[in-house]
Amino acid sequence: KGMKHRQKIVFSGEADEAPGVLPGDVVFIIDQQEHDTFQRKGADLVAEKTITLKDALTGFSFPLKHPDGRTLIVQSKPGEIVKPNSIKCITDGGMP
C-alpha cells in the first residue's frame, strides 16, 4: 500500500493527441508533504501520543484523525497495562 516520495506514475500514450503525431506520456511524481500528527516509516504511518499513568494502568481510548479523513479509535485491551514506549498498531490503518 501507499507510494514512495518522488515515485512516478506513468500513463503511457495518454497525453494530448494530434493527427500524425504519437501521443506522449502523462507522468505524475508523488511529492510527500509534512504532516502535523503523522510521520511516515516505510509503508507505515506513525503518530506519537503521551498518556497518563492512570490511563496506562486502567486503560485508554482516544480518536485519531487520519490524513484521509477517517477517525481511527486507538484503545488498550481490557486489563492491559501499557508499558513505557509501547507501540499500538492499527491493522490496515495506513494510507490507501
N, C-alpha and C. Protein backbone atom coordinates (compact mmCIF):
# COMPACT_ATOMS: atom_id res chain seq x y z
N LYS A 1 0.84 -1.19 0.00
CA LYS A 1 0.00 0.00 0.00
C LYS A 1 0.87 1.24 0.00
N GLY A 2 0.31 2.29 -0.51
CA GLY A 2 0.99 3.57 -0.46
C GLY A 2 2.02 3.74 -1.57
N MET A 3 2.55 4.93 -1.65
CA MET A 3 3.55 5.28 -2.65
C MET A 3 4.73 5.91 -1.92
N LYS A 4 5.88 5.88 -2.57
CA LYS A 4 7.08 6.48 -2.00
C LYS A 4 7.22 7.92 -2.49
N HIS A 5 7.93 8.72 -1.69
CA HIS A 5 8.24 10.09 -2.08
C HIS A 5 9.02 10.07 -3.39
N ARG A 6 8.63 10.93 -4.31
CA ARG A 6 9.25 11.09 -5.63
C ARG A 6 8.99 9.90 -6.56
N GLN A 7 8.09 8.99 -6.19
CA GLN A 7 7.74 7.87 -7.07
C GLN A 7 6.94 8.40 -8.25
N LYS A 8 7.16 7.80 -9.43
CA LYS A 8 6.49 8.24 -10.65
C LYS A 8 5.34 7.31 -10.99
N ILE A 9 4.26 7.92 -11.47
CA ILE A 9 3.13 7.18 -12.03
C ILE A 9 3.07 7.60 -13.49
N VAL A 10 3.17 6.62 -14.39
CA VAL A 10 3.22 6.93 -15.82
C VAL A 10 2.01 6.32 -16.53
N PHE A 11 1.31 7.15 -17.29
CA PHE A 11 0.24 6.71 -18.17
C PHE A 11 0.76 6.85 -19.60
N SER A 12 1.26 5.74 -20.12
CA SER A 12 1.90 5.77 -21.44
C SER A 12 0.88 6.05 -22.55
N GLY A 13 1.27 6.98 -23.43
CA GLY A 13 0.44 7.30 -24.60
C GLY A 13 -0.87 8.00 -24.29
N GLU A 14 -0.97 8.61 -23.11
CA GLU A 14 -2.23 9.24 -22.71
C GLU A 14 -2.20 10.77 -22.79
N ALA A 15 -1.13 11.36 -23.29
CA ALA A 15 -1.05 12.82 -23.39
C ALA A 15 -1.86 13.31 -24.58
N ASP A 16 -1.80 14.62 -24.86
CA ASP A 16 -2.56 15.21 -25.97
C ASP A 16 -2.31 14.45 -27.27
N GLU A 17 -3.36 14.35 -28.04
CA GLU A 17 -3.26 13.68 -29.34
C GLU A 17 -3.45 14.70 -30.45
N ALA A 18 -2.74 14.46 -31.54
CA ALA A 18 -2.90 15.30 -32.74
C ALA A 18 -2.72 14.38 -33.95
N PRO A 19 -3.36 14.70 -35.05
CA PRO A 19 -3.22 13.86 -36.25
C PRO A 19 -1.76 13.73 -36.68
N GLY A 20 -1.34 12.51 -36.91
CA GLY A 20 0.02 12.25 -37.40
C GLY A 20 1.10 12.34 -36.35
N VAL A 21 0.74 12.54 -35.08
CA VAL A 21 1.73 12.67 -34.00
C VAL A 21 1.41 11.62 -32.93
N LEU A 22 2.44 10.91 -32.50
CA LEU A 22 2.24 9.94 -31.43
C LEU A 22 2.00 10.68 -30.11
N PRO A 23 0.99 10.24 -29.34
CA PRO A 23 0.76 10.91 -28.05
C PRO A 23 1.88 10.59 -27.07
N GLY A 24 2.18 11.56 -26.25
CA GLY A 24 3.22 11.38 -25.24
C GLY A 24 2.66 10.72 -23.98
N ASP A 25 3.47 10.67 -22.95
CA ASP A 25 3.07 10.08 -21.68
C ASP A 25 2.62 11.17 -20.71
N VAL A 26 1.70 10.80 -19.83
CA VAL A 26 1.34 11.66 -18.71
C VAL A 26 2.09 11.10 -17.50
N VAL A 27 2.87 11.94 -16.82
CA VAL A 27 3.70 11.50 -15.71
C VAL A 27 3.34 12.31 -14.46
N PHE A 28 3.00 11.60 -13.38
CA PHE A 28 2.79 12.22 -12.08
C PHE A 28 3.95 11.82 -11.18
N ILE A 29 4.46 12.77 -10.40
CA ILE A 29 5.52 12.49 -9.44
C ILE A 29 4.97 12.79 -8.05
N ILE A 30 5.01 11.80 -7.17
CA ILE A 30 4.48 11.96 -5.82
C ILE A 30 5.38 12.88 -5.01
N ASP A 31 4.78 13.89 -4.40
CA ASP A 31 5.51 14.83 -3.54
C ASP A 31 4.95 14.69 -2.13
N GLN A 32 5.68 14.01 -1.29
CA GLN A 32 5.24 13.77 0.09
C GLN A 32 5.33 15.05 0.90
N GLN A 33 4.26 15.39 1.61
CA GLN A 33 4.20 16.60 2.42
C GLN A 33 4.34 16.26 3.90
N GLU A 34 4.87 17.18 4.67
CA GLU A 34 4.96 17.00 6.12
C GLU A 34 3.54 17.06 6.70
N HIS A 35 3.32 16.39 7.84
CA HIS A 35 2.02 16.37 8.50
C HIS A 35 2.23 16.70 9.97
N ASP A 36 1.25 17.39 10.58
CA ASP A 36 1.37 17.79 11.98
C ASP A 36 1.38 16.61 12.94
N THR A 37 0.64 15.55 12.62
CA THR A 37 0.47 14.42 13.54
C THR A 37 1.29 13.21 13.15
N PHE A 38 1.35 12.90 11.87
CA PHE A 38 1.93 11.65 11.40
C PHE A 38 3.30 11.84 10.75
N GLN A 39 4.14 10.82 10.92
CA GLN A 39 5.38 10.71 10.18
C GLN A 39 5.29 9.37 9.44
N ARG A 40 6.02 9.28 8.37
CA ARG A 40 6.00 8.06 7.58
C ARG A 40 7.23 7.21 7.86
N LYS A 41 7.02 5.91 8.06
CA LYS A 41 8.10 4.96 8.25
C LYS A 41 7.86 3.83 7.27
N GLY A 42 8.51 3.89 6.10
CA GLY A 42 8.24 2.90 5.06
C GLY A 42 6.80 3.03 4.59
N ALA A 43 6.06 1.93 4.66
CA ALA A 43 4.65 1.95 4.26
C ALA A 43 3.73 2.27 5.44
N ASP A 44 4.30 2.54 6.61
CA ASP A 44 3.51 2.79 7.81
C ASP A 44 3.43 4.27 8.14
N LEU A 45 2.32 4.64 8.78
CA LEU A 45 2.18 5.97 9.35
C LEU A 45 2.37 5.84 10.85
N VAL A 46 3.13 6.76 11.45
CA VAL A 46 3.43 6.70 12.87
C VAL A 46 3.01 8.02 13.51
N ALA A 47 2.31 7.91 14.65
CA ALA A 47 1.94 9.08 15.44
C ALA A 47 2.32 8.80 16.89
N GLU A 48 2.84 9.80 17.57
CA GLU A 48 3.20 9.63 18.98
C GLU A 48 2.12 10.26 19.85
N LYS A 49 1.83 9.60 20.97
CA LYS A 49 0.82 10.10 21.91
C LYS A 49 1.30 9.80 23.32
N THR A 50 1.28 10.79 24.18
CA THR A 50 1.62 10.61 25.58
C THR A 50 0.33 10.36 26.35
N ILE A 51 0.34 9.32 27.19
CA ILE A 51 -0.83 9.04 28.02
C ILE A 51 -0.43 9.15 29.48
N THR A 52 -1.41 9.30 30.34
CA THR A 52 -1.14 9.44 31.77
C THR A 52 -0.85 8.07 32.38
N LEU A 53 -0.28 8.07 33.57
CA LEU A 53 -0.03 6.83 34.30
C LEU A 53 -1.36 6.12 34.57
N LYS A 54 -2.37 6.89 34.93
CA LYS A 54 -3.69 6.32 35.19
C LYS A 54 -4.21 5.59 33.95
N ASP A 55 -4.10 6.23 32.78
CA ASP A 55 -4.55 5.60 31.53
C ASP A 55 -3.72 4.35 31.21
N ALA A 56 -2.42 4.40 31.50
CA ALA A 56 -1.55 3.26 31.23
C ALA A 56 -1.93 2.06 32.09
N LEU A 57 -2.41 2.33 33.31
CA LEU A 57 -2.76 1.24 34.23
C LEU A 57 -4.21 0.79 34.11
N THR A 58 -5.11 1.71 33.78
CA THR A 58 -6.54 1.38 33.80
C THR A 58 -7.17 1.30 32.42
N GLY A 59 -6.46 1.71 31.41
CA GLY A 59 -6.98 1.64 30.04
C GLY A 59 -7.22 3.01 29.44
N PHE A 60 -7.24 3.06 28.14
CA PHE A 60 -7.45 4.32 27.43
C PHE A 60 -8.15 4.07 26.11
N SER A 61 -8.71 5.11 25.59
CA SER A 61 -9.31 5.11 24.26
C SER A 61 -9.31 6.55 23.78
N PHE A 62 -8.82 6.78 22.56
CA PHE A 62 -8.85 8.14 22.03
C PHE A 62 -8.99 8.10 20.51
N PRO A 63 -9.65 9.12 19.95
CA PRO A 63 -9.78 9.19 18.50
C PRO A 63 -8.50 9.77 17.89
N LEU A 64 -8.19 9.32 16.69
CA LEU A 64 -7.03 9.81 15.96
C LEU A 64 -7.48 10.10 14.53
N LYS A 65 -7.41 11.37 14.14
CA LYS A 65 -7.85 11.78 12.80
C LYS A 65 -6.80 11.39 11.77
N HIS A 66 -7.20 10.55 10.84
CA HIS A 66 -6.31 10.05 9.78
C HIS A 66 -6.22 11.11 8.68
N PRO A 67 -5.08 11.20 7.97
CA PRO A 67 -4.96 12.19 6.89
C PRO A 67 -6.01 12.05 5.79
N ASP A 68 -6.60 10.86 5.62
CA ASP A 68 -7.62 10.69 4.57
C ASP A 68 -9.03 11.04 5.07
N GLY A 69 -9.13 11.55 6.32
CA GLY A 69 -10.42 11.99 6.84
C GLY A 69 -11.09 11.02 7.80
N ARG A 70 -10.65 9.76 7.81
CA ARG A 70 -11.24 8.80 8.74
C ARG A 70 -10.84 9.14 10.17
N THR A 71 -11.67 8.73 11.12
CA THR A 71 -11.31 8.82 12.53
C THR A 71 -11.07 7.41 13.03
N LEU A 72 -9.85 7.14 13.46
CA LEU A 72 -9.49 5.83 13.99
C LEU A 72 -9.55 5.89 15.50
N ILE A 73 -10.01 4.81 16.13
CA ILE A 73 -10.05 4.74 17.59
C ILE A 73 -8.88 3.89 18.05
N VAL A 74 -8.03 4.49 18.86
CA VAL A 74 -6.88 3.78 19.43
C VAL A 74 -7.24 3.48 20.88
N GLN A 75 -7.15 2.19 21.25
CA GLN A 75 -7.53 1.84 22.61
C GLN A 75 -6.71 0.66 23.12
N SER A 76 -6.63 0.59 24.44
CA SER A 76 -5.95 -0.55 25.05
C SER A 76 -6.94 -1.69 25.20
N LYS A 77 -6.42 -2.88 25.37
CA LYS A 77 -7.26 -4.06 25.58
C LYS A 77 -7.67 -4.10 27.05
N PRO A 78 -8.83 -4.68 27.36
CA PRO A 78 -9.25 -4.78 28.76
C PRO A 78 -8.19 -5.51 29.61
N GLY A 79 -7.81 -4.91 30.72
CA GLY A 79 -6.83 -5.49 31.62
C GLY A 79 -5.38 -5.29 31.21
N GLU A 80 -5.15 -4.67 30.06
CA GLU A 80 -3.79 -4.45 29.57
C GLU A 80 -3.12 -3.32 30.33
N ILE A 81 -1.88 -3.54 30.75
CA ILE A 81 -1.08 -2.47 31.35
C ILE A 81 -0.07 -2.04 30.29
N VAL A 82 -0.11 -0.77 29.94
CA VAL A 82 0.74 -0.24 28.87
C VAL A 82 2.07 0.19 29.47
N LYS A 83 3.15 -0.38 28.94
CA LYS A 83 4.50 -0.06 29.42
C LYS A 83 5.04 1.17 28.69
N PRO A 84 6.03 1.84 29.27
CA PRO A 84 6.64 3.00 28.60
C PRO A 84 7.16 2.64 27.21
N ASN A 85 7.00 3.56 26.28
CA ASN A 85 7.46 3.43 24.89
C ASN A 85 6.80 2.29 24.13
N SER A 86 5.60 1.92 24.56
CA SER A 86 4.85 0.87 23.86
C SER A 86 4.37 1.37 22.51
N ILE A 87 4.10 0.42 21.63
CA ILE A 87 3.60 0.73 20.29
C ILE A 87 2.25 0.06 20.11
N LYS A 88 1.27 0.81 19.62
CA LYS A 88 -0.04 0.27 19.27
C LYS A 88 -0.15 0.29 17.76
N CYS A 89 -0.62 -0.79 17.18
CA CYS A 89 -0.77 -0.89 15.74
C CYS A 89 -2.25 -0.99 15.37
N ILE A 90 -2.63 -0.32 14.31
CA ILE A 90 -3.96 -0.43 13.76
C ILE A 90 -3.82 -1.08 12.39
N THR A 91 -4.29 -2.32 12.28
CA THR A 91 -4.15 -3.06 11.03
C THR A 91 -4.93 -2.35 9.92
N ASP A 92 -4.29 -2.21 8.78
CA ASP A 92 -4.88 -1.56 7.61
C ASP A 92 -5.28 -0.11 7.90
N GLY A 93 -4.59 0.54 8.84
CA GLY A 93 -4.90 1.92 9.16
C GLY A 93 -4.04 2.92 8.41
N GLY A 94 -3.13 2.44 7.58
CA GLY A 94 -2.23 3.34 6.84
C GLY A 94 -2.88 3.97 5.64
N MET A 95 -2.08 4.47 4.76
CA MET A 95 -2.59 5.13 3.56
C MET A 95 -3.08 4.11 2.55
N PRO A 96 -4.14 4.46 1.83
CA PRO A 96 -4.65 3.55 0.80
C PRO A 96 -3.69 3.46 -0.38
